[in-house]
Amino acid sequence: MLRAARYSVDLDPALDTSRLTTPANPLGLYTAGAEVLRLTDQIRAAENGVGLAQAVNHLLHPEHGVLERVGEALETAGEQISDLDDEAYALADRFGFAAEFVSAAQSELIGTGGESHRVSGSKQDHANRQRAARASSPHAAAQRIAPSASRTSEPPASTPPPRSPRTR
């Protein structure tokens, strides 16, 4: 209760329940990482484009998404480093650059939710489409037309000799 009221409380580590790792919270204090893992599992379990888009939106939402928050956290860390130590500008800059990279990644992916909705079917549908594509490939068609052609006594075509490196 004291911690909830924002008082600083020091406990013996054996008594501090906030530091425990439990089956419900396997990453202990790393709750944000646990949420991202949960979101990753949700993305992996999506069975259609709508489910995928809903899960991916948690990553990409421009105000509340994971990437937005990660970018803010990196930028804030860089600012805090600068505030604490004027000489640590190189480290602060690294955090700033990382924040820019995350922002660029988010910008690149904004709007993909509509495209994700068009992702079709279930994993089974995907496997069926892959099998159909392989069956209709030119190689498979050639095998159906002349299956004995692949068993002729002709030696396999030789590969061209390796090219010598160019010199200047």
N, C-alpha and C. Protein backbone atom coordinates (compact mmCIF):
# COMPACT_ATOMS: atom_id res chain seq x y z
N MET A 1 0.83 -1.19 0.00
CA MET A 1 0.00 0.00 0.00
C MET A 1 0.87 1.25 0.00
N LEU A 2 1.99 1.19 0.71
CA LEU A 2 2.88 2.34 0.71
C LEU A 2 3.45 2.60 -0.68
N ARG A 3 3.81 1.54 -1.38
CA ARG A 3 4.32 1.70 -2.74
C ARG A 3 3.24 2.25 -3.65
N ALA A 4 2.01 1.81 -3.49
CA ALA A 4 0.92 2.32 -4.30
C ALA A 4 0.73 3.81 -4.08
N ALA A 5 1.03 4.27 -2.88
CA ALA A 5 0.95 5.69 -2.57
C ALA A 5 2.25 6.41 -2.93
N ARG A 6 3.14 5.72 -3.63
CA ARG A 6 4.41 6.25 -4.15
C ARG A 6 5.43 6.56 -3.06
N TYR A 7 5.38 5.81 -1.96
CA TYR A 7 6.43 5.88 -0.97
C TYR A 7 7.51 4.88 -1.35
N SER A 8 8.73 5.20 -1.06
CA SER A 8 9.83 4.28 -1.30
C SER A 8 9.91 3.31 -0.13
N VAL A 9 9.88 2.04 -0.43
CA VAL A 9 9.90 1.02 0.61
C VAL A 9 11.01 0.03 0.28
N ASP A 10 11.96 -0.14 1.19
CA ASP A 10 13.03 -1.12 1.01
C ASP A 10 12.70 -2.35 1.84
N LEU A 11 12.67 -3.49 1.15
CA LEU A 11 12.39 -4.76 1.82
C LEU A 11 13.54 -5.71 1.59
N ASP A 12 13.65 -6.65 2.49
CA ASP A 12 14.57 -7.75 2.27
C ASP A 12 14.11 -8.46 0.99
N PRO A 13 15.05 -8.81 0.08
CA PRO A 13 14.64 -9.45 -1.18
C PRO A 13 13.77 -10.68 -0.98
N ALA A 14 13.91 -11.40 0.12
CA ALA A 14 13.09 -12.58 0.36
C ALA A 14 11.63 -12.21 0.63
N LEU A 15 11.39 -10.98 1.08
CA LEU A 15 10.04 -10.53 1.39
C LEU A 15 9.39 -9.73 0.27
N ASP A 16 10.17 -9.32 -0.70
CA ASP A 16 9.68 -8.44 -1.76
C ASP A 16 8.96 -9.26 -2.83
N THR A 17 7.64 -9.27 -2.79
CA THR A 17 6.86 -10.07 -3.73
C THR A 17 6.82 -9.46 -5.13
N SER A 18 7.16 -8.18 -5.28
CA SER A 18 7.13 -7.57 -6.61
C SER A 18 8.26 -8.08 -7.49
N ARG A 19 9.25 -8.71 -6.91
CA ARG A 19 10.39 -9.21 -7.67
C ARG A 19 10.28 -10.70 -8.01
N LEU A 20 9.22 -11.32 -7.60
CA LEU A 20 9.08 -12.76 -7.82
C LEU A 20 8.69 -13.07 -9.26
N THR A 21 9.22 -14.15 -9.73
CA THR A 21 8.82 -14.68 -11.02
C THR A 21 7.83 -15.80 -10.75
N THR A 22 6.66 -15.70 -11.37
CA THR A 22 5.63 -16.70 -11.17
C THR A 22 5.26 -17.29 -12.51
N PRO A 23 4.56 -18.42 -12.52
CA PRO A 23 4.10 -18.97 -13.80
C PRO A 23 3.22 -17.98 -14.57
N ALA A 24 2.46 -17.15 -13.85
CA ALA A 24 1.61 -16.16 -14.52
C ALA A 24 2.44 -14.98 -15.03
N ASN A 25 3.59 -14.76 -14.45
CA ASN A 25 4.46 -13.65 -14.82
C ASN A 25 5.89 -14.16 -14.94
N PRO A 26 6.19 -14.94 -15.99
CA PRO A 26 7.48 -15.62 -16.08
C PRO A 26 8.67 -14.68 -16.28
N LEU A 27 8.43 -13.45 -16.69
CA LEU A 27 9.54 -12.53 -16.90
C LEU A 27 9.74 -11.57 -15.74
N GLY A 28 9.06 -11.83 -14.63
CA GLY A 28 9.25 -11.02 -13.43
C GLY A 28 8.96 -9.56 -13.68
N LEU A 29 9.94 -8.72 -13.47
CA LEU A 29 9.76 -7.28 -13.61
C LEU A 29 9.61 -6.82 -15.06
N TYR A 30 9.91 -7.67 -16.00
CA TYR A 30 9.87 -7.29 -17.40
C TYR A 30 8.46 -7.49 -17.97
N THR A 31 7.50 -6.78 -17.43
CA THR A 31 6.11 -6.95 -17.84
C THR A 31 5.88 -6.48 -19.27
N ALA A 32 6.57 -5.43 -19.69
CA ALA A 32 6.39 -4.96 -21.07
C ALA A 32 6.85 -6.03 -22.05
N GLY A 33 7.96 -6.66 -21.76
CA GLY A 33 8.45 -7.75 -22.61
C GLY A 33 7.48 -8.91 -22.64
N ALA A 34 6.88 -9.19 -21.50
CA ALA A 34 5.89 -10.28 -21.43
C ALA A 34 4.68 -9.94 -22.29
N GLU A 35 4.25 -8.68 -22.30
CA GLU A 35 3.12 -8.28 -23.13
C GLU A 35 3.45 -8.39 -24.61
N VAL A 36 4.68 -8.03 -24.98
CA VAL A 36 5.07 -8.15 -26.38
C VAL A 36 5.13 -9.63 -26.78
N LEU A 37 5.59 -10.48 -25.90
CA LEU A 37 5.57 -11.93 -26.18
C LEU A 37 4.14 -12.43 -26.36
N ARG A 38 3.24 -11.96 -25.52
CA ARG A 38 1.83 -12.35 -25.64
C ARG A 38 1.28 -11.88 -26.98
N LEU A 39 1.64 -10.66 -27.38
CA LEU A 39 1.20 -10.13 -28.67
C LEU A 39 1.80 -10.93 -29.82
N THR A 40 3.05 -11.34 -29.70
CA THR A 40 3.69 -12.17 -30.72
C THR A 40 2.95 -13.49 -30.87
N ASP A 41 2.57 -14.09 -29.75
CA ASP A 41 1.80 -15.33 -29.80
C ASP A 41 0.44 -15.11 -30.47
N GLN A 42 -0.18 -13.96 -30.20
CA GLN A 42 -1.47 -13.64 -30.81
C GLN A 42 -1.31 -13.49 -32.33
N ILE A 43 -0.23 -12.84 -32.76
CA ILE A 43 0.04 -12.69 -34.20
C ILE A 43 0.25 -14.06 -34.83
N ARG A 44 1.04 -14.89 -34.19
CA ARG A 44 1.33 -16.23 -34.71
C ARG A 44 0.07 -17.09 -34.79
N ALA A 45 -0.87 -16.87 -33.90
CA ALA A 45 -2.09 -17.68 -33.85
C ALA A 45 -3.19 -17.16 -34.77
N ALA A 46 -2.98 -16.00 -35.40
CA ALA A 46 -4.02 -15.44 -36.27
C ALA A 46 -4.34 -16.42 -37.39
N GLU A 47 -5.63 -16.64 -37.60
CA GLU A 47 -6.04 -17.59 -38.62
C GLU A 47 -6.54 -16.92 -39.89
N ASN A 48 -6.62 -15.59 -39.88
CA ASN A 48 -7.04 -14.87 -41.08
C ASN A 48 -6.51 -13.44 -41.00
N GLY A 49 -6.74 -12.70 -42.07
CA GLY A 49 -6.24 -11.34 -42.13
C GLY A 49 -6.83 -10.41 -41.10
N VAL A 50 -8.09 -10.61 -40.76
CA VAL A 50 -8.73 -9.75 -39.77
C VAL A 50 -8.06 -9.92 -38.40
N GLY A 51 -7.86 -11.17 -37.99
CA GLY A 51 -7.20 -11.43 -36.72
C GLY A 51 -5.77 -10.92 -36.71
N LEU A 52 -5.08 -11.09 -37.83
CA LEU A 52 -3.71 -10.60 -37.95
C LEU A 52 -3.67 -9.08 -37.85
N ALA A 53 -4.58 -8.41 -38.56
CA ALA A 53 -4.61 -6.95 -38.54
C ALA A 53 -4.90 -6.42 -37.13
N GLN A 54 -5.81 -7.08 -36.40
CA GLN A 54 -6.13 -6.64 -35.04
C GLN A 54 -4.91 -6.74 -34.14
N ALA A 55 -4.17 -7.83 -34.26
CA ALA A 55 -2.99 -8.02 -33.42
C ALA A 55 -1.88 -7.05 -33.82
N VAL A 56 -1.65 -6.90 -35.11
CA VAL A 56 -0.59 -6.02 -35.59
C VAL A 56 -0.90 -4.56 -35.23
N ASN A 57 -2.18 -4.21 -35.16
CA ASN A 57 -2.54 -2.85 -34.78
C ASN A 57 -2.00 -2.48 -33.41
N HIS A 58 -1.87 -3.45 -32.52
CA HIS A 58 -1.30 -3.19 -31.20
C HIS A 58 0.17 -2.78 -31.32
N LEU A 59 0.83 -3.24 -32.34
CA LEU A 59 2.21 -2.82 -32.57
C LEU A 59 2.29 -1.44 -33.21
N LEU A 60 1.41 -1.18 -34.16
CA LEU A 60 1.57 -0.04 -35.06
C LEU A 60 0.68 1.16 -34.78
N HIS A 61 -0.24 1.05 -33.87
CA HIS A 61 -1.16 2.17 -33.63
C HIS A 61 -0.34 3.45 -33.43
N PRO A 62 -0.69 4.54 -34.14
CA PRO A 62 0.15 5.74 -34.10
C PRO A 62 0.19 6.47 -32.76
N GLU A 63 -0.77 6.22 -31.88
CA GLU A 63 -0.74 6.87 -30.57
C GLU A 63 -0.46 5.91 -29.42
N HIS A 64 -0.96 4.68 -29.53
CA HIS A 64 -0.89 3.76 -28.39
C HIS A 64 -0.14 2.47 -28.69
N GLY A 65 0.43 2.34 -29.87
CA GLY A 65 1.08 1.11 -30.26
C GLY A 65 2.43 0.90 -29.59
N VAL A 66 2.88 -0.33 -29.63
CA VAL A 66 4.15 -0.71 -29.01
C VAL A 66 5.30 0.10 -29.61
N LEU A 67 5.35 0.21 -30.93
CA LEU A 67 6.46 0.94 -31.55
C LEU A 67 6.46 2.42 -31.14
N GLU A 68 5.30 3.02 -31.03
CA GLU A 68 5.22 4.41 -30.59
C GLU A 68 5.78 4.56 -29.19
N ARG A 69 5.41 3.64 -28.32
CA ARG A 69 5.87 3.72 -26.92
C ARG A 69 7.37 3.43 -26.81
N VAL A 70 7.85 2.47 -27.60
CA VAL A 70 9.29 2.16 -27.57
C VAL A 70 10.09 3.37 -28.07
N GLY A 71 9.61 4.00 -29.13
CA GLY A 71 10.29 5.19 -29.64
C GLY A 71 10.33 6.30 -28.60
N GLU A 72 9.20 6.53 -27.93
CA GLU A 72 9.16 7.54 -26.87
C GLU A 72 10.12 7.21 -25.74
N ALA A 73 10.16 5.94 -25.36
CA ALA A 73 11.04 5.54 -24.26
C ALA A 73 12.51 5.74 -24.64
N LEU A 74 12.87 5.39 -25.86
CA LEU A 74 14.26 5.58 -26.30
C LEU A 74 14.62 7.06 -26.35
N GLU A 75 13.72 7.87 -26.86
CA GLU A 75 13.97 9.31 -26.93
C GLU A 75 14.11 9.90 -25.53
N THR A 76 13.23 9.49 -24.62
CA THR A 76 13.28 9.96 -23.25
C THR A 76 14.58 9.52 -22.56
N ALA A 77 15.01 8.29 -22.84
CA ALA A 77 16.26 7.81 -22.25
C ALA A 77 17.43 8.68 -22.73
N GLY A 78 17.45 9.02 -24.01
CA GLY A 78 18.51 9.89 -24.53
C GLY A 78 18.49 11.26 -23.87
N GLU A 79 17.29 11.82 -23.72
CA GLU A 79 17.17 13.13 -23.06
C GLU A 79 17.63 13.06 -21.61
N GLN A 80 17.27 11.98 -20.94
CA GLN A 80 17.64 11.83 -19.54
C GLN A 80 19.16 11.68 -19.40
N ILE A 81 19.76 10.95 -20.30
CA ILE A 81 21.22 10.80 -20.27
C ILE A 81 21.88 12.17 -20.42
N SER A 82 21.36 12.98 -21.35
CA SER A 82 21.91 14.33 -21.54
C SER A 82 21.71 15.19 -20.30
N ASP A 83 20.55 15.07 -19.66
CA ASP A 83 20.28 15.85 -18.45
C ASP A 83 21.20 15.45 -17.31
N LEU A 84 21.51 14.16 -17.22
CA LEU A 84 22.34 13.68 -16.11
C LEU A 84 23.82 13.92 -16.33
N ASP A 85 24.25 13.90 -17.59
CA ASP A 85 25.69 14.02 -17.87
C ASP A 85 25.90 14.67 -19.23
N ASP A 86 26.31 15.92 -19.23
CA ASP A 86 26.54 16.65 -20.48
C ASP A 86 27.62 16.00 -21.34
N GLU A 87 28.52 15.29 -20.72
CA GLU A 87 29.63 14.66 -21.44
C GLU A 87 29.23 13.36 -22.13
N ALA A 88 28.06 12.84 -21.81
CA ALA A 88 27.62 11.56 -22.38
C ALA A 88 26.78 11.80 -23.64
N TYR A 89 27.12 12.83 -24.40
CA TYR A 89 26.32 13.16 -25.58
C TYR A 89 26.33 12.04 -26.62
N ALA A 90 27.44 11.32 -26.74
CA ALA A 90 27.50 10.23 -27.73
C ALA A 90 26.49 9.13 -27.38
N LEU A 91 26.41 8.78 -26.11
CA LEU A 91 25.43 7.78 -25.68
C LEU A 91 24.01 8.29 -25.88
N ALA A 92 23.78 9.55 -25.52
CA ALA A 92 22.46 10.14 -25.70
C ALA A 92 22.08 10.14 -27.18
N ASP A 93 23.03 10.45 -28.05
CA ASP A 93 22.77 10.44 -29.49
C ASP A 93 22.40 9.04 -29.98
N ARG A 94 23.05 8.02 -29.44
CA ARG A 94 22.73 6.64 -29.86
C ARG A 94 21.28 6.31 -29.55
N PHE A 95 20.81 6.73 -28.38
CA PHE A 95 19.40 6.50 -28.04
C PHE A 95 18.49 7.31 -28.96
N GLY A 96 18.90 8.53 -29.29
CA GLY A 96 18.11 9.35 -30.21
C GLY A 96 18.02 8.72 -31.59
N PHE A 97 19.15 8.20 -32.08
CA PHE A 97 19.15 7.54 -33.38
C PHE A 97 18.26 6.29 -33.35
N ALA A 98 18.34 5.55 -32.27
CA ALA A 98 17.50 4.34 -32.16
C ALA A 98 16.02 4.74 -32.17
N ALA A 99 15.67 5.83 -31.50
CA ALA A 99 14.28 6.30 -31.50
C ALA A 99 13.85 6.67 -32.92
N GLU A 100 14.75 7.28 -33.68
CA GLU A 100 14.43 7.64 -35.06
C GLU A 100 14.24 6.39 -35.92
N PHE A 101 15.05 5.36 -35.71
CA PHE A 101 14.89 4.11 -36.45
C PHE A 101 13.54 3.46 -36.17
N VAL A 102 13.15 3.46 -34.91
CA VAL A 102 11.86 2.88 -34.54
C VAL A 102 10.73 3.68 -35.18
N SER A 103 10.86 5.01 -35.17
CA SER A 103 9.85 5.87 -35.79
C SER A 103 9.78 5.61 -37.29
N ALA A 104 10.93 5.44 -37.93
CA ALA A 104 10.96 5.16 -39.37
C ALA A 104 10.30 3.81 -39.66
N ALA A 105 10.57 2.82 -38.82
CA ALA A 105 9.95 1.50 -39.01
C ALA A 105 8.44 1.61 -38.87
N GLN A 106 7.99 2.36 -37.87
CA GLN A 106 6.56 2.54 -37.67
C GLN A 106 5.95 3.25 -38.87
N SER A 107 6.59 4.29 -39.37
CA SER A 107 6.08 5.03 -40.53
C SER A 107 5.99 4.14 -41.75
N GLU A 108 6.96 3.26 -41.92
CA GLU A 108 6.98 2.34 -43.06
C GLU A 108 5.79 1.38 -43.01
N LEU A 109 5.37 1.03 -41.82
CA LEU A 109 4.34 0.01 -41.66
C LEU A 109 2.94 0.56 -41.42
N ILE A 110 2.82 1.86 -41.18
CA ILE A 110 1.50 2.45 -40.98
C ILE A 110 0.67 2.21 -42.24
N GLY A 111 -0.55 1.83 -42.07
CA GLY A 111 -1.43 1.59 -43.20
C GLY A 111 -1.42 0.16 -43.69
N THR A 112 -0.61 -0.68 -43.10
CA THR A 112 -0.60 -2.08 -43.53
C THR A 112 -1.76 -2.87 -42.96
N GLY A 113 -2.52 -2.25 -42.05
CA GLY A 113 -3.68 -2.94 -41.49
C GLY A 113 -4.68 -3.31 -42.56
N GLY A 114 -4.92 -2.38 -43.51
CA GLY A 114 -5.83 -2.68 -44.61
C GLY A 114 -5.32 -3.82 -45.47
N GLU A 115 -4.02 -3.83 -45.68
CA GLU A 115 -3.43 -4.93 -46.45
C GLU A 115 -3.51 -6.24 -45.68
N SER A 116 -3.34 -6.18 -44.37
CA SER A 116 -3.41 -7.38 -43.55
C SER A 116 -4.79 -8.00 -43.59
N HIS A 117 -5.83 -7.16 -43.70
CA HIS A 117 -7.20 -7.70 -43.78
C HIS A 117 -7.36 -8.60 -45.01
N ARG A 118 -6.60 -8.31 -46.06
CA ARG A 118 -6.74 -9.08 -47.29
C ARG A 118 -5.95 -10.38 -47.26
N VAL A 119 -5.14 -10.58 -46.21
CA VAL A 119 -4.43 -11.86 -46.09
C VAL A 119 -5.49 -12.92 -45.91
N SER A 120 -5.39 -13.96 -46.71
CA SER A 120 -6.51 -14.90 -46.75
C SER A 120 -6.30 -16.11 -45.88
N GLY A 121 -7.43 -16.65 -45.49
CA GLY A 121 -7.59 -17.97 -44.93
C GLY A 121 -6.74 -18.39 -43.76
N SER A 122 -6.84 -19.66 -43.53
CA SER A 122 -6.16 -20.29 -42.41
C SER A 122 -4.83 -20.85 -42.86
N LYS A 123 -4.09 -21.37 -41.92
CA LYS A 123 -2.81 -22.01 -42.24
C LYS A 123 -3.03 -23.21 -43.16
N GLN A 124 -4.15 -23.90 -42.98
CA GLN A 124 -4.46 -25.04 -43.84
C GLN A 124 -4.68 -24.57 -45.27
N ASP A 125 -5.41 -23.43 -45.44
CA ASP A 125 -5.62 -22.88 -46.78
C ASP A 125 -4.28 -22.51 -47.41
N HIS A 126 -3.40 -21.94 -46.61
CA HIS A 126 -2.08 -21.55 -47.11
C HIS A 126 -1.30 -22.78 -47.58
N ALA A 127 -1.34 -23.84 -46.79
CA ALA A 127 -0.63 -25.08 -47.16
C ALA A 127 -1.22 -25.66 -48.45
N ASN A 128 -2.55 -25.61 -48.58
CA ASN A 128 -3.19 -26.11 -49.81
C ASN A 128 -2.78 -25.28 -51.02
N ARG A 129 -2.71 -23.95 -50.86
CA ARG A 129 -2.29 -23.09 -51.97
C ARG A 129 -0.84 -23.38 -52.36
N GLN A 130 0.02 -23.62 -51.38
CA GLN A 130 1.42 -23.94 -51.69
C GLN A 130 1.52 -25.24 -52.47
N ARG A 131 0.75 -26.26 -52.05
CA ARG A 131 0.77 -27.54 -52.77
C ARG A 131 0.27 -27.36 -54.20
N ALA A 132 -0.79 -26.58 -54.37
CA ALA A 132 -1.33 -26.35 -55.71
C ALA A 132 -0.33 -25.60 -56.57
N ALA A 133 0.38 -24.65 -55.99
CA ALA A 133 1.38 -23.90 -56.76
C ALA A 133 2.52 -24.82 -57.19
N ARG A 134 2.93 -25.70 -56.29
CA ARG A 134 4.01 -26.64 -56.66
C ARG A 134 3.54 -27.59 -57.75
N ALA A 135 2.30 -28.03 -57.65
CA ALA A 135 1.77 -28.98 -58.64
C ALA A 135 1.62 -28.33 -60.01
N SER A 136 1.40 -27.02 -60.04
CA SER A 136 1.23 -26.35 -61.34
C SER A 136 2.52 -25.71 -61.83
N SER A 137 3.63 -25.97 -61.15
CA SER A 137 4.90 -25.39 -61.59
C SER A 137 5.32 -26.02 -62.93
N PRO A 138 6.13 -25.32 -63.73
CA PRO A 138 6.58 -25.87 -65.00
C PRO A 138 7.31 -27.21 -64.83
N HIS A 139 8.09 -27.35 -63.78
CA HIS A 139 8.82 -28.59 -63.54
C HIS A 139 7.85 -29.75 -63.31
N ALA A 140 6.81 -29.50 -62.48
CA ALA A 140 5.82 -30.56 -62.21
C ALA A 140 5.06 -30.91 -63.47
N ALA A 141 4.73 -29.90 -64.28
CA ALA A 141 4.02 -30.16 -65.53
C ALA A 141 4.87 -31.01 -66.47
N ALA A 142 6.15 -30.71 -66.54
CA ALA A 142 7.06 -31.49 -67.40
C ALA A 142 7.14 -32.92 -66.91
N GLN A 143 7.12 -33.12 -65.62
CA GLN A 143 7.18 -34.47 -65.07
C GLN A 143 5.92 -35.26 -65.42
N ARG A 144 4.76 -34.60 -65.44
CA ARG A 144 3.51 -35.28 -65.78
C ARG A 144 3.46 -35.63 -67.27
N ILE A 145 4.00 -34.73 -68.12
CA ILE A 145 3.95 -34.96 -69.56
C ILE A 145 4.91 -36.06 -69.97
N ALA A 146 6.14 -35.99 -69.49
CA ALA A 146 7.14 -36.98 -69.88
C ALA A 146 7.90 -37.46 -68.65
N PRO A 147 7.26 -38.31 -67.85
CA PRO A 147 7.94 -38.76 -66.64
C PRO A 147 9.18 -39.57 -66.94
N SER A 148 9.23 -40.21 -68.10
CA SER A 148 10.42 -41.02 -68.39
C SER A 148 11.58 -40.16 -68.85
N ALA A 149 11.34 -38.91 -69.20
CA ALA A 149 12.43 -38.06 -69.69
C ALA A 149 13.48 -37.83 -68.62
N SER A 150 13.04 -37.82 -67.38
CA SER A 150 14.02 -37.58 -66.32
C SER A 150 14.85 -38.82 -66.04
N ARG A 151 14.46 -39.97 -66.63
CA ARG A 151 15.20 -41.20 -66.36
C ARG A 151 15.99 -41.66 -67.58
N THR A 152 16.32 -40.78 -68.50
CA THR A 152 17.09 -41.18 -69.68
C THR A 152 18.52 -41.49 -69.28
N SER A 153 19.21 -42.13 -70.22
CA SER A 153 20.59 -42.52 -69.91
C SER A 153 21.59 -41.41 -70.22
N GLU A 154 21.10 -40.26 -70.67
CA GLU A 154 22.01 -39.16 -70.96
C GLU A 154 22.59 -38.63 -69.66
N PRO A 155 23.87 -38.27 -69.70
CA PRO A 155 24.45 -37.69 -68.49
C PRO A 155 23.86 -36.30 -68.26
N PRO A 156 23.86 -35.86 -67.05
CA PRO A 156 23.31 -34.53 -66.78
C PRO A 156 24.13 -33.46 -67.48
N ALA A 157 23.46 -32.39 -67.83
CA ALA A 157 24.16 -31.29 -68.51
C ALA A 157 25.26 -30.77 -67.61
N SER A 158 26.38 -30.51 -68.21
CA SER A 158 27.49 -30.01 -67.39
C SER A 158 27.30 -28.53 -67.14
N THR A 159 27.85 -28.11 -66.04
CA THR A 159 27.76 -26.69 -65.71
C THR A 159 28.91 -25.97 -66.39
N PRO A 160 28.72 -24.71 -66.76
CA PRO A 160 29.80 -23.99 -67.41
C PRO A 160 30.97 -23.84 -66.46
N PRO A 161 32.18 -23.76 -67.02
CA PRO A 161 33.35 -23.62 -66.15
C PRO A 161 33.28 -22.29 -65.41
N PRO A 162 33.87 -22.24 -64.23
CA PRO A 162 33.84 -20.99 -63.47
C PRO A 162 34.61 -19.92 -64.22
N ARG A 163 34.09 -18.69 -64.11
CA ARG A 163 34.74 -17.57 -64.78
C ARG A 163 35.95 -17.13 -63.98
N SER A 164 36.97 -16.74 -64.70
CA SER A 164 38.16 -16.26 -64.00
C SER A 164 37.91 -14.85 -63.52
N PRO A 165 38.49 -14.49 -62.40
CA PRO A 165 38.26 -13.15 -61.88
C PRO A 165 38.82 -12.09 -62.82
N ARG A 166 38.10 -10.99 -62.90
CA ARG A 166 38.56 -9.91 -63.74
C ARG A 166 39.68 -9.16 -63.06
N THR A 167 40.63 -8.73 -63.85
CA THR A 167 41.71 -7.91 -63.30
C THR A 167 41.63 -6.55 -63.95
N ARG A 168 42.13 -5.58 -63.30
CA ARG A 168 42.09 -4.21 -63.83
C ARG A 168 43.42 -3.84 -64.38
